[in-house]
Amino acid sequence: MIFVRCIDNLKTSNSVMLATLLLSLLFLVTCCHSNESKNIHNILEKNAISLDKRSDGLMAELVHLLVEQRHERRSLLRRCKMAEDMVYKLTKDLNVTKQSVKQLGKKTIQQHIKTQRRIDYTSNSIKDLYSRSNQRSSQIGIMQKQISKIQKTKDEFGKKKRIGFSARFKPFNSKSFTKGVVVKFDHVISNKGNGYNTTTGKFTCTTPGLYLFHLTVVSDTDWGYAFIVKNTIEINLALSTLEGERKKRRYESGSTSVILTLRFGDEVWIKSGRHTETTNFEWHSIFSGVLIS
């Protein structure tokens, strides 16, 4: 660009110089015969000198511009070389980066596969745990229902009246009973609910349900036995006998137990045996009953 500008300046300067020369020549021709030709010649010489100086200045400027252009060209070549080196280095770095990215991509894929396997394993484990949790929840629900049922039964049982009694004869006081009569135990050990009456010798049901009754008789009679009776029905008997080898003994005992379903107003009592006229019962004999359900 500097060189082109210099050429344009030279062209413009030469045109001016030519025009000046032509005018000078024209003036010289028209005034050659005049008295002023000598002055004109001097002017032309001055103009020629001035033009030489101007031409020398332009040549020096042109040389300076050429030197600057050469320096600028060398600088541009150095920059181009540096740019080429930089492009080569960047290309090399890019190839290295591509290789690194490729290797990293392989590692990433492998890592992704491993991670996906772990995720699948964890997911399956969570599903298994969730299934087990549901089973446990179901089992817990069943157990809670059973516990609630048991608690409800317990509460219902707790709400029911607790009925139970035990009675025997007074200590060291044996009793004799004729056959077929009510055996009245006159010494009450316990009588929860007041169902047993020592006057009548009978237990009267005030709370319907399932009852357990037990009878033990101790007697010195050859045949000492008694029946558990419900209302008027003989249910079972307790028998003690001193027949045979047992006659060597002073006393013998017999026991029986029975479970009965009673309604309101039912009576349970002990009836003396009917095979002997009189039966002796020792004070260790006992009659008991309890509401079990």
C-alpha atoms as a PDB file:
ATOM      1  CA  MET A   1       0.000   0.000   0.000  1.00  0.00           C
ATOM      2  CA  ILE A   2       2.855   2.432   0.832  1.00  0.00           C
ATOM      3  CA  PHE A   3       4.603   1.681  -2.496  1.00  0.00           C
ATOM      4  CA  VAL A   4       1.435   2.324  -4.530  1.00  0.00           C
ATOM      5  CA  ARG A   5       0.877   5.597  -2.727  1.00  0.00           C
ATOM      6  CA  CYS A   6       4.460   6.618  -3.517  1.00  0.00           C
ATOM      7  CA  ILE A   7       4.007   5.887  -7.251  1.00  0.00           C
ATOM      8  CA  ASP A   8       0.803   7.938  -7.281  1.00  0.00           C
ATOM      9  CA  ASN A   9       2.690  10.890  -5.731  1.00  0.00           C
ATOM     10  CA  LEU A  10       5.440  10.597  -8.354  1.00  0.00           C
ATOM     11  CA  LYS A  11       2.926  10.619 -11.168  1.00  0.00           C
ATOM     12  CA  THR A  12       1.260  13.726  -9.811  1.00  0.00           C
ATOM     13  CA  SER A  13       4.605  15.524  -9.369  1.00  0.00           C
ATOM     14  CA  ASN A  14       5.785  14.713 -12.938  1.00  0.00           C
ATOM     15  CA  SER A  15       2.571  16.084 -14.400  1.00  0.00           C
ATOM     16  CA  VAL A  16       3.083  19.333 -12.561  1.00  0.00           C
ATOM     17  CA  MET A  17       6.665  19.492 -13.701  1.00  0.00           C
ATOM     18  CA  LEU A  18       5.753  18.916 -17.366  1.00  0.00           C
ATOM     19  CA  ALA A  19       3.056  21.530 -17.232  1.00  0.00           C
ATOM     20  CA  THR A  20       5.475  23.986 -15.683  1.00  0.00           C
ATOM     21  CA  LEU A  21       8.078  23.270 -18.384  1.00  0.00           C
ATOM     22  CA  LEU A  22       5.538  23.717 -21.189  1.00  0.00           C
ATOM     23  CA  LEU A  23       4.398  27.027 -19.798  1.00  0.00           C
ATOM     24  CA  SER A  24       7.968  28.142 -19.407  1.00  0.00           C
ATOM     25  CA  LEU A  25       8.778  27.190 -23.003  1.00  0.00           C
ATOM     26  CA  LEU A  26       5.683  28.969 -24.251  1.00  0.00           C
ATOM     27  CA  PHE A  27       6.564  32.031 -22.346  1.00  0.00           C
ATOM     28  CA  LEU A  28      10.123  31.833 -23.652  1.00  0.00           C
ATOM     29  CA  VAL A  29       8.917  31.625 -27.265  1.00  0.00           C
ATOM     30  CA  THR A  30       6.591  34.577 -26.903  1.00  0.00           C
ATOM     31  CA  CYS A  31       9.119  36.639 -25.104  1.00  0.00           C
ATOM     32  CA  CYS A  32      12.326  35.489 -26.809  1.00  0.00           C
ATOM     33  CA  HIS A  33      12.802  38.742 -28.514  1.00  0.00           C
ATOM     34  CA  SER A  34      11.960  40.773 -25.511  1.00  0.00           C
ATOM     35  CA  ASN A  35      14.391  42.338 -23.203  1.00  0.00           C
ATOM     36  CA  GLU A  36      13.363  40.058 -20.362  1.00  0.00           C
ATOM     37  CA  SER A  37      14.680  36.754 -21.895  1.00  0.00           C
ATOM     38  CA  LYS A  38      17.580  36.832 -19.558  1.00  0.00           C
ATOM     39  CA  ASN A  39      15.297  36.949 -16.545  1.00  0.00           C
ATOM     40  CA  ILE A  40      13.218  34.123 -17.934  1.00  0.00           C
ATOM     41  CA  HIS A  41      16.306  32.035 -18.410  1.00  0.00           C
ATOM     42  CA  ASN A  42      17.194  32.612 -14.790  1.00  0.00           C
ATOM     43  CA  ILE A  43      13.713  31.659 -13.695  1.00  0.00           C
ATOM     44  CA  LEU A  44      13.860  28.492 -15.737  1.00  0.00           C
ATOM     45  CA  GLU A  45      17.147  27.576 -14.179  1.00  0.00           C
ATOM     46  CA  LYS A  46      15.723  28.141 -10.736  1.00  0.00           C
ATOM     47  CA  ASN A  47      12.724  26.016 -11.605  1.00  0.00           C
ATOM     48  CA  ALA A  48      14.976  23.275 -12.949  1.00  0.00           C
ATOM     49  CA  ILE A  49      17.024  23.375  -9.769  1.00  0.00           C
ATOM     50  CA  SER A  50      13.873  23.300  -7.708  1.00  0.00           C
ATOM     51  CA  LEU A  51      12.579  20.370  -9.741  1.00  0.00           C
ATOM     52  CA  ASP A  52      15.865  18.522  -9.271  1.00  0.00           C
ATOM     53  CA  LYS A  53      15.654  19.060  -5.542  1.00  0.00           C
ATOM     54  CA  ARG A  54      12.025  17.978  -5.514  1.00  0.00           C
ATOM     55  CA  SER A  55      12.919  14.911  -7.599  1.00  0.00           C
ATOM     56  CA  ASP A  56      15.757  14.020  -5.215  1.00  0.00           C
ATOM     57  CA  GLY A  57      13.379  14.361  -2.272  1.00  0.00           C
ATOM     58  CA  LEU A  58      10.844  12.157  -3.963  1.00  0.00           C
ATOM     59  CA  MET A  59      13.503   9.564  -4.764  1.00  0.00           C
ATOM     60  CA  ALA A  60      14.663   9.586  -1.144  1.00  0.00           C
ATOM     61  CA  GLU A  61      11.079   9.198  -0.011  1.00  0.00           C
ATOM     62  CA  LEU A  62      10.645   6.367  -2.503  1.00  0.00           C
ATOM     63  CA  VAL A  63      13.772   4.636  -1.189  1.00  0.00           C
ATOM     64  CA  HIS A  64      12.548   5.111   2.368  1.00  0.00           C
ATOM     65  CA  LEU A  65       9.201   3.662   1.445  1.00  0.00           C
ATOM     66  CA  LEU A  66      10.867   0.718  -0.243  1.00  0.00           C
ATOM     67  CA  VAL A  67      12.950   0.055   2.870  1.00  0.00           C
ATOM     68  CA  GLU A  68       9.867   0.260   5.056  1.00  0.00           C
ATOM     69  CA  GLN A  69       8.048  -2.077   2.671  1.00  0.00           C
ATOM     70  CA  ARG A  70      10.952  -4.541   2.849  1.00  0.00           C
ATOM     71  CA  HIS A  71      10.899  -4.417   6.658  1.00  0.00           C
ATOM     72  CA  GLU A  72       7.153  -4.788   6.653  1.00  0.00           C
ATOM     73  CA  ARG A  73       7.408  -7.767   4.257  1.00  0.00           C
ATOM     74  CA  ARG A  74       9.986  -9.432   6.500  1.00  0.00           C
ATOM     75  CA  SER A  75       7.754  -8.805   9.507  1.00  0.00           C
ATOM     76  CA  LEU A  76       4.811 -10.294   7.647  1.00  0.00           C
ATOM     77  CA  LEU A  77       6.900 -13.325   6.705  1.00  0.00           C
ATOM     78  CA  ARG A  78       7.909 -13.803  10.321  1.00  0.00           C
ATOM     79  CA  ARG A  79       4.282 -13.493  11.373  1.00  0.00           C
ATOM     80  CA  CYS A  80       3.244 -15.989   8.693  1.00  0.00           C
ATOM     81  CA  LYS A  81       5.934 -18.389   9.908  1.00  0.00           C
ATOM     82  CA  MET A  82       4.749 -17.966  13.472  1.00  0.00           C
ATOM     83  CA  ALA A  83       1.156 -18.474  12.331  1.00  0.00           C
ATOM     84  CA  GLU A  84       2.140 -21.646  10.457  1.00  0.00           C
ATOM     85  CA  ASP A  85       3.982 -22.908  13.517  1.00  0.00           C
ATOM     86  CA  MET A  86       0.988 -22.094  15.653  1.00  0.00           C
ATOM     87  CA  VAL A  87      -1.360 -23.842  13.189  1.00  0.00           C
ATOM     88  CA  TYR A  88       0.915 -26.904  13.200  1.00  0.00           C
ATOM     89  CA  LYS A  89       1.004 -26.929  16.989  1.00  0.00           C
ATOM     90  CA  LEU A  90      -2.738 -26.428  17.237  1.00  0.00           C
ATOM     91  CA  THR A  91      -3.274 -29.238  14.712  1.00  0.00           C
ATOM     92  CA  LYS A  92      -1.016 -31.521  16.727  1.00  0.00           C
ATOM     93  CA  ASP A  93      -2.806 -30.557  19.954  1.00  0.00           C
ATOM     94  CA  LEU A  94      -6.134 -31.123  18.206  1.00  0.00           C
ATOM     95  CA  ASN A  95      -5.103 -34.628  17.150  1.00  0.00           C
ATOM     96  CA  VAL A  96      -3.936 -35.365  20.701  1.00  0.00           C
ATOM     97  CA  THR A  97      -7.218 -33.989  22.007  1.00  0.00           C
ATOM     98  CA  LYS A  98      -9.143 -36.177  19.541  1.00  0.00           C
ATOM     99  CA  GLN A  99      -7.263 -39.244  20.772  1.00  0.00           C
ATOM    100  CA  SER A 100      -7.877 -38.253  24.364  1.00  0.00           C
ATOM    101  CA  VAL A 101     -11.571 -37.686  23.650  1.00  0.00           C
ATOM    102  CA  LYS A 102     -11.742 -41.054  21.894  1.00  0.00           C
ATOM    103  CA  GLN A 103     -10.109 -42.845  24.822  1.00  0.00           C
ATOM    104  CA  LEU A 104     -12.228 -40.882  27.253  1.00  0.00           C
ATOM    105  CA  GLY A 105     -15.311 -41.829  25.250  1.00  0.00           C
ATOM    106  CA  LYS A 106     -14.396 -45.528  25.554  1.00  0.00           C
ATOM    107  CA  LYS A 107     -13.809 -45.146  29.277  1.00  0.00           C
ATOM    108  CA  THR A 108     -17.048 -43.195  29.621  1.00  0.00           C
ATOM    109  CA  ILE A 109     -18.979 -45.908  27.790  1.00  0.00           C
ATOM    110  CA  GLN A 110     -17.435 -48.606  29.977  1.00  0.00           C
ATOM    111  CA  GLN A 111     -18.138 -46.546  33.078  1.00  0.00           C
ATOM    112  CA  HIS A 112     -21.695 -45.957  31.858  1.00  0.00           C
ATOM    113  CA  ILE A 113     -22.178 -49.718  31.374  1.00  0.00           C
ATOM    114  CA  LYS A 114     -20.846 -50.403  34.875  1.00  0.00           C
ATOM    115  CA  THR A 115     -23.020 -47.661  36.322  1.00  0.00           C
ATOM    116  CA  GLN A 116     -26.066 -48.991  34.471  1.00  0.00           C
ATOM    117  CA  ARG A 117     -25.394 -52.485  35.832  1.00  0.00           C
ATOM    118  CA  ARG A 118     -25.113 -51.078  39.355  1.00  0.00           C
ATOM    119  CA  ILE A 119     -28.333 -49.148  38.831  1.00  0.00           C
ATOM    120  CA  ASP A 120     -30.088 -52.301  37.584  1.00  0.00           C
ATOM    121  CA  TYR A 121     -28.744 -54.310  40.537  1.00  0.00           C
ATOM    122  CA  THR A 122     -29.776 -51.592  42.986  1.00  0.00           C
ATOM    123  CA  SER A 123     -33.197 -51.331  41.335  1.00  0.00           C
ATOM    124  CA  ASN A 124     -33.724 -55.086  41.586  1.00  0.00           C
ATOM    125  CA  SER A 125     -32.576 -54.992  45.214  1.00  0.00           C
ATOM    126  CA  ILE A 126     -35.015 -52.173  45.938  1.00  0.00           C
ATOM    127  CA  LYS A 127     -37.832 -54.115  44.239  1.00  0.00           C
ATOM    128  CA  ASP A 128     -36.939 -57.207  46.286  1.00  0.00           C
ATOM    129  CA  LEU A 129     -36.848 -55.152  49.488  1.00  0.00           C
ATOM    130  CA  TYR A 130     -40.155 -53.519  48.535  1.00  0.00           C
ATOM    131  CA  SER A 131     -41.695 -56.957  47.925  1.00  0.00           C
ATOM    132  CA  ARG A 132     -40.358 -58.209  51.255  1.00  0.00           C
ATOM    133  CA  SER A 133     -41.616 -55.054  52.920  1.00  0.00           C
ATOM    134  CA  ASN A 134     -45.077 -55.648  51.466  1.00  0.00           C
ATOM    135  CA  GLN A 135     -44.987 -59.250  52.706  1.00  0.00           C
ATOM    136  CA  ARG A 136     -43.852 -58.086  56.125  1.00  0.00           C
ATOM    137  CA  SER A 137     -46.554 -55.389  56.106  1.00  0.00           C
ATOM    138  CA  SER A 138     -49.119 -58.029  55.199  1.00  0.00           C
ATOM    139  CA  GLN A 139     -47.853 -60.321  57.967  1.00  0.00           C
ATOM    140  CA  ILE A 140     -47.819 -57.400  60.398  1.00  0.00           C
ATOM    141  CA  GLY A 141     -51.376 -56.555  59.356  1.00  0.00           C
ATOM    142  CA  ILE A 142     -52.471 -60.154  60.000  1.00  0.00           C
ATOM    143  CA  MET A 143     -50.672 -60.171  63.344  1.00  0.00           C
ATOM    144  CA  GLN A 144     -52.233 -56.846  64.286  1.00  0.00           C
ATOM    145  CA  LYS A 145     -55.666 -58.252  63.444  1.00  0.00           C
ATOM    146  CA  GLN A 146     -54.934 -61.329  65.560  1.00  0.00           C
ATOM    147  CA  ILE A 147     -53.662 -59.132  68.393  1.00  0.00           C
ATOM    148  CA  SER A 148     -56.764 -56.952  68.110  1.00  0.00           C
ATOM    149  CA  LYS A 149     -58.936 -60.055  68.174  1.00  0.00           C
ATOM    150  CA  ILE A 150     -57.089 -61.412  71.203  1.00  0.00           C
ATOM    151  CA  GLN A 151     -57.290 -58.027  72.901  1.00  0.00           C
ATOM    152  CA  LYS A 152     -60.979 -57.822  72.092  1.00  0.00           C
ATOM    153  CA  THR A 153     -61.516 -61.312  73.500  1.00  0.00           C
ATOM    154  CA  LYS A 154     -59.436 -60.359  76.526  1.00  0.00           C
ATOM    155  CA  ASP A 155     -61.453 -57.164  76.998  1.00  0.00           C
ATOM    156  CA  GLU A 156     -64.725 -59.054  76.608  1.00  0.00           C
ATOM    157  CA  PHE A 157     -63.526 -61.675  79.061  1.00  0.00           C
ATOM    158  CA  GLY A 158     -62.401 -58.929  81.422  1.00  0.00           C
ATOM    159  CA  LYS A 159     -65.821 -57.331  81.185  1.00  0.00           C
ATOM    160  CA  LYS A 160     -67.489 -60.589  82.163  1.00  0.00           C
ATOM    161  CA  LYS A 161     -67.990 -61.348  85.792  1.00  0.00           C
ATOM    162  CA  ARG A 162     -65.324 -63.514  87.310  1.00  0.00           C
ATOM    163  CA  ILE A 163     -67.126 -66.415  88.907  1.00  0.00           C
ATOM    164  CA  GLY A 164     -65.449 -69.106  91.025  1.00  0.00           C
ATOM    165  CA  PHE A 165     -65.716 -70.846  94.348  1.00  0.00           C
ATOM    166  CA  SER A 166     -64.173 -73.540  96.562  1.00  0.00           C
ATOM    167  CA  ALA A 167     -65.830 -75.017  99.682  1.00  0.00           C
ATOM    168  CA  ARG A 168     -65.139 -77.850 102.118  1.00  0.00           C
ATOM    169  CA  PHE A 169     -66.120 -78.907 105.593  1.00  0.00           C
ATOM    170  CA  LYS A 170     -64.938 -77.065 108.636  1.00  0.00           C
ATOM    171  CA  PRO A 171     -61.526 -78.274 109.874  1.00  0.00           C
ATOM    172  CA  PHE A 172     -61.515 -81.445 111.885  1.00  0.00           C
ATOM    173  CA  ASN A 173     -65.239 -81.783 111.402  1.00  0.00           C
ATOM    174  CA  SER A 174     -66.331 -84.949 109.551  1.00  0.00           C
ATOM    175  CA  LYS A 175     -69.888 -85.265 108.249  1.00  0.00           C
ATOM    176  CA  SER A 176     -72.216 -88.149 107.589  1.00  0.00           C
ATOM    177  CA  PHE A 177     -74.896 -88.073 104.890  1.00  0.00           C
ATOM    178  CA  THR A 178     -77.685 -90.475 104.072  1.00  0.00           C
ATOM    179  CA  LYS A 179     -78.002 -91.603 100.505  1.00  0.00           C
ATOM    180  CA  GLY A 180     -79.458 -89.237  97.903  1.00  0.00           C
ATOM    181  CA  VAL A 181     -79.207 -85.968  99.850  1.00  0.00           C
ATOM    182  CA  VAL A 182     -77.390 -82.708  99.123  1.00  0.00           C
ATOM    183  CA  VAL A 183     -73.862 -82.666 100.497  1.00  0.00           C
ATOM    184  CA  LYS A 184     -73.511 -79.211 102.013  1.00  0.00           C
ATOM    185  CA  PHE A 185     -69.949 -77.913 102.317  1.00  0.00           C
ATOM    186  CA  ASP A 186     -70.169 -75.394 105.122  1.00  0.00           C
ATOM    187  CA  HIS A 187     -66.687 -73.835 105.005  1.00  0.00           C
ATOM    188  CA  VAL A 188     -66.151 -71.473 102.046  1.00  0.00           C
ATOM    189  CA  ILE A 189     -62.540 -70.945 100.935  1.00  0.00           C
ATOM    190  CA  SER A 190     -63.461 -68.523  98.146  1.00  0.00           C
ATOM    191  CA  ASN A 191     -66.736 -67.462  96.539  1.00  0.00           C
ATOM    192  CA  LYS A 192     -66.151 -64.925  93.732  1.00  0.00           C
ATOM    193  CA  GLY A 193     -69.537 -63.731  92.514  1.00  0.00           C
ATOM    194  CA  ASN A 194     -71.351 -65.325  95.466  1.00  0.00           C
ATOM    195  CA  GLY A 195     -72.682 -68.174  93.350  1.00  0.00           C
ATOM    196  CA  TYR A 196     -72.282 -70.852  96.037  1.00  0.00           C
ATOM    197  CA  ASN A 197     -74.740 -70.966  98.906  1.00  0.00           C
ATOM    198  CA  THR A 198     -73.634 -72.776 102.106  1.00  0.00           C
ATOM    199  CA  THR A 199     -77.251 -73.001 103.282  1.00  0.00           C
ATOM    200  CA  THR A 200     -78.526 -74.900 100.258  1.00  0.00           C
ATOM    201  CA  GLY A 201     -75.131 -76.435  99.347  1.00  0.00           C
ATOM    202  CA  LYS A 202     -75.771 -75.519  95.695  1.00  0.00           C
ATOM    203  CA  PHE A 203     -74.078 -73.291  93.087  1.00  0.00           C
ATOM    204  CA  THR A 204     -76.546 -71.153  91.154  1.00  0.00           C
ATOM    205  CA  CYS A 205     -75.541 -69.722  87.757  1.00  0.00           C
ATOM    206  CA  THR A 206     -75.987 -65.951  87.372  1.00  0.00           C
ATOM    207  CA  THR A 207     -73.591 -65.577  84.425  1.00  0.00           C
ATOM    208  CA  PRO A 208     -74.172 -68.004  81.539  1.00  0.00           C
ATOM    209  CA  GLY A 209     -71.063 -69.654  80.142  1.00  0.00           C
ATOM    210  CA  LEU A 210     -68.716 -72.610  80.263  1.00  0.00           C
ATOM    211  CA  TYR A 211     -67.805 -73.823  83.770  1.00  0.00           C
ATOM    212  CA  LEU A 212     -65.311 -76.283  85.208  1.00  0.00           C
ATOM    213  CA  PHE A 213     -66.327 -78.211  88.350  1.00  0.00           C
ATOM    214  CA  HIS A 214     -64.159 -80.476  90.509  1.00  0.00           C
ATOM    215  CA  LEU A 215     -64.999 -82.785  93.400  1.00  0.00           C
ATOM    216  CA  THR A 216     -62.709 -84.690  95.775  1.00  0.00           C
ATOM    217  CA  VAL A 217     -64.176 -86.877  98.524  1.00  0.00           C
ATOM    218  CA  VAL A 218     -62.213 -88.412 101.425  1.00  0.00           C
ATOM    219  CA  SER A 219     -64.085 -91.161 103.302  1.00  0.00           C
ATOM    220  CA  ASP A 220     -63.603 -94.000 105.832  1.00  0.00           C
ATOM    221  CA  THR A 221     -66.691 -95.809 104.491  1.00  0.00           C
ATOM    222  CA  ASP A 222     -66.239 -99.006 102.513  1.00  0.00           C
ATOM    223  CA  TRP A 223     -68.036 -97.378  99.613  1.00  0.00           C
ATOM    224  CA  GLY A 224     -67.828 -93.618  99.823  1.00  0.00           C
ATOM    225  CA  TYR A 225     -68.902 -91.831  96.697  1.00  0.00           C
ATOM    226  CA  ALA A 226     -70.821 -88.772  95.542  1.00  0.00           C
ATOM    227  CA  PHE A 227     -72.292 -87.381  92.302  1.00  0.00           C
ATOM    228  CA  ILE A 228     -71.884 -83.998  90.565  1.00  0.00           C
ATOM    229  CA  VAL A 229     -75.443 -83.041  89.675  1.00  0.00           C
ATOM    230  CA  LYS A 230     -76.689 -80.409  87.222  1.00  0.00           C
ATOM    231  CA  ASN A 231     -80.194 -79.412  88.272  1.00  0.00           C
ATOM    232  CA  THR A 232     -81.570 -83.003  88.660  1.00  0.00           C
ATOM    233  CA  ILE A 233     -79.204 -84.887  86.316  1.00  0.00           C
ATOM    234  CA  GLU A 234     -76.322 -86.917  87.750  1.00  0.00           C
ATOM    235  CA  ILE A 235     -73.292 -85.993  85.614  1.00  0.00           C
ATOM    236  CA  ASN A 236     -70.373 -87.924  87.124  1.00  0.00           C
ATOM    237  CA  LEU A 237     -69.238 -89.435  90.426  1.00  0.00           C
ATOM    238  CA  ALA A 238     -66.193 -89.451  92.674  1.00  0.00           C
ATOM    239  CA  LEU A 239     -65.597 -92.837  94.297  1.00  0.00           C
ATOM    240  CA  SER A 240     -63.505 -93.944  97.281  1.00  0.00           C
ATOM    241  CA  THR A 241     -63.474 -97.579  98.438  1.00  0.00           C
ATOM    242  CA  LEU A 242     -61.750 -99.551 101.179  1.00  0.00           C
ATOM    243  CA  GLU A 243     -62.468-102.996  99.714  1.00  0.00           C
ATOM    244  CA  GLY A 244     -59.766-105.689  99.633  1.00  0.00           C
ATOM    245  CA  GLU A 245     -56.250-104.600 100.524  1.00  0.00           C
ATOM    246  CA  ARG A 246     -57.482-101.045 101.001  1.00  0.00           C
ATOM    247  CA  LYS A 247     -59.279-102.036 104.218  1.00  0.00           C
ATOM    248  CA  LYS A 248     -55.928-101.754 105.931  1.00  0.00           C
ATOM    249  CA  ARG A 249     -56.098 -98.033 105.318  1.00  0.00           C
ATOM    250  CA  ARG A 250     -58.084 -95.657 107.472  1.00  0.00           C
ATOM    251  CA  TYR A 251     -59.185 -93.304 104.672  1.00  0.00           C
ATOM    252  CA  GLU A 252     -59.509 -93.389 100.891  1.00  0.00           C
ATOM    253  CA  SER A 253     -60.166 -90.596  98.393  1.00  0.00           C
ATOM    254  CA  GLY A 254     -61.783 -90.234  94.991  1.00  0.00           C
ATOM    255  CA  SER A 255     -61.954 -87.311  92.546  1.00  0.00           C
ATOM    256  CA  THR A 256     -63.736 -86.230  89.367  1.00  0.00           C
ATOM    257  CA  SER A 257     -63.928 -83.141  87.158  1.00  0.00           C
ATOM    258  CA  VAL A 258     -66.427 -82.024  84.549  1.00  0.00           C
ATOM    259  CA  ILE A 259     -66.978 -79.056  82.188  1.00  0.00           C
ATOM    260  CA  LEU A 260     -70.567 -77.879  81.894  1.00  0.00           C
ATOM    261  CA  THR A 261     -72.383 -75.251  79.879  1.00  0.00           C
ATOM    262  CA  LEU A 262     -74.750 -73.403  82.191  1.00  0.00           C
ATOM    263  CA  ARG A 263     -77.620 -71.071  81.580  1.00  0.00           C
ATOM    264  CA  PHE A 264     -78.999 -68.498  83.934  1.00  0.00           C
ATOM    265  CA  GLY A 265     -80.579 -70.187  86.952  1.00  0.00           C
ATOM    266  CA  ASP A 266     -78.976 -73.627  86.488  1.00  0.00           C
ATOM    267  CA  GLU A 267     -77.850 -75.306  89.703  1.00  0.00           C
ATOM    268  CA  VAL A 268     -74.879 -77.569  90.311  1.00  0.00           C
ATOM    269  CA  TRP A 269     -74.562 -79.501  93.575  1.00  0.00           C
ATOM    270  CA  ILE A 270     -73.181 -82.690  95.164  1.00  0.00           C
ATOM    271  CA  LYS A 271     -75.400 -85.678  95.898  1.00  0.00           C
ATOM    272  CA  SER A 272     -74.425 -88.446  98.356  1.00  0.00           C
ATOM    273  CA  GLY A 273     -74.147 -92.050  97.133  1.00  0.00           C
ATOM    274  CA  ARG A 274     -77.167 -94.310  96.900  1.00  0.00           C
ATOM    275  CA  HIS A 275     -75.597 -97.734  97.583  1.00  0.00           C
ATOM    276  CA  THR A 276     -75.101 -97.266 101.312  1.00  0.00           C
ATOM    277  CA  GLU A 277     -77.418 -95.934 103.938  1.00  0.00           C
ATOM    278  CA  THR A 278     -74.826 -93.557 105.378  1.00  0.00           C
ATOM    279  CA  THR A 279     -71.607 -92.120 103.927  1.00  0.00           C
ATOM    280  CA  ASN A 280     -68.977 -90.400 106.025  1.00  0.00           C
ATOM    281  CA  PHE A 281     -66.985 -87.549 104.445  1.00  0.00           C
ATOM    282  CA  GLU A 282     -63.834 -86.193 106.052  1.00  0.00           C
ATOM    283  CA  TRP A 283     -63.199 -82.436 106.226  1.00  0.00           C
ATOM    284  CA  HIS A 284     -60.500 -82.734 103.480  1.00  0.00           C
ATOM    285  CA  SER A 285     -63.282 -83.282 100.921  1.00  0.00           C
ATOM    286  CA  ILE A 286     -63.686 -80.246  98.593  1.00  0.00           C
ATOM    287  CA  PHE A 287     -66.082 -78.954  95.935  1.00  0.00           C
ATOM    288  CA  SER A 288     -64.925 -76.252  93.444  1.00  0.00           C
ATOM    289  CA  GLY A 289     -66.221 -74.487  90.320  1.00  0.00           C
ATOM    290  CA  VAL A 290     -65.048 -71.689  88.017  1.00  0.00           C
ATOM    291  CA  LEU A 291     -66.262 -69.810  84.931  1.00  0.00           C
ATOM    292  CA  ILE A 292     -63.744 -70.459  82.123  1.00  0.00           C
ATOM    293  CA  SER A 293     -65.500 -68.908  79.140  1.00  0.00           C
END
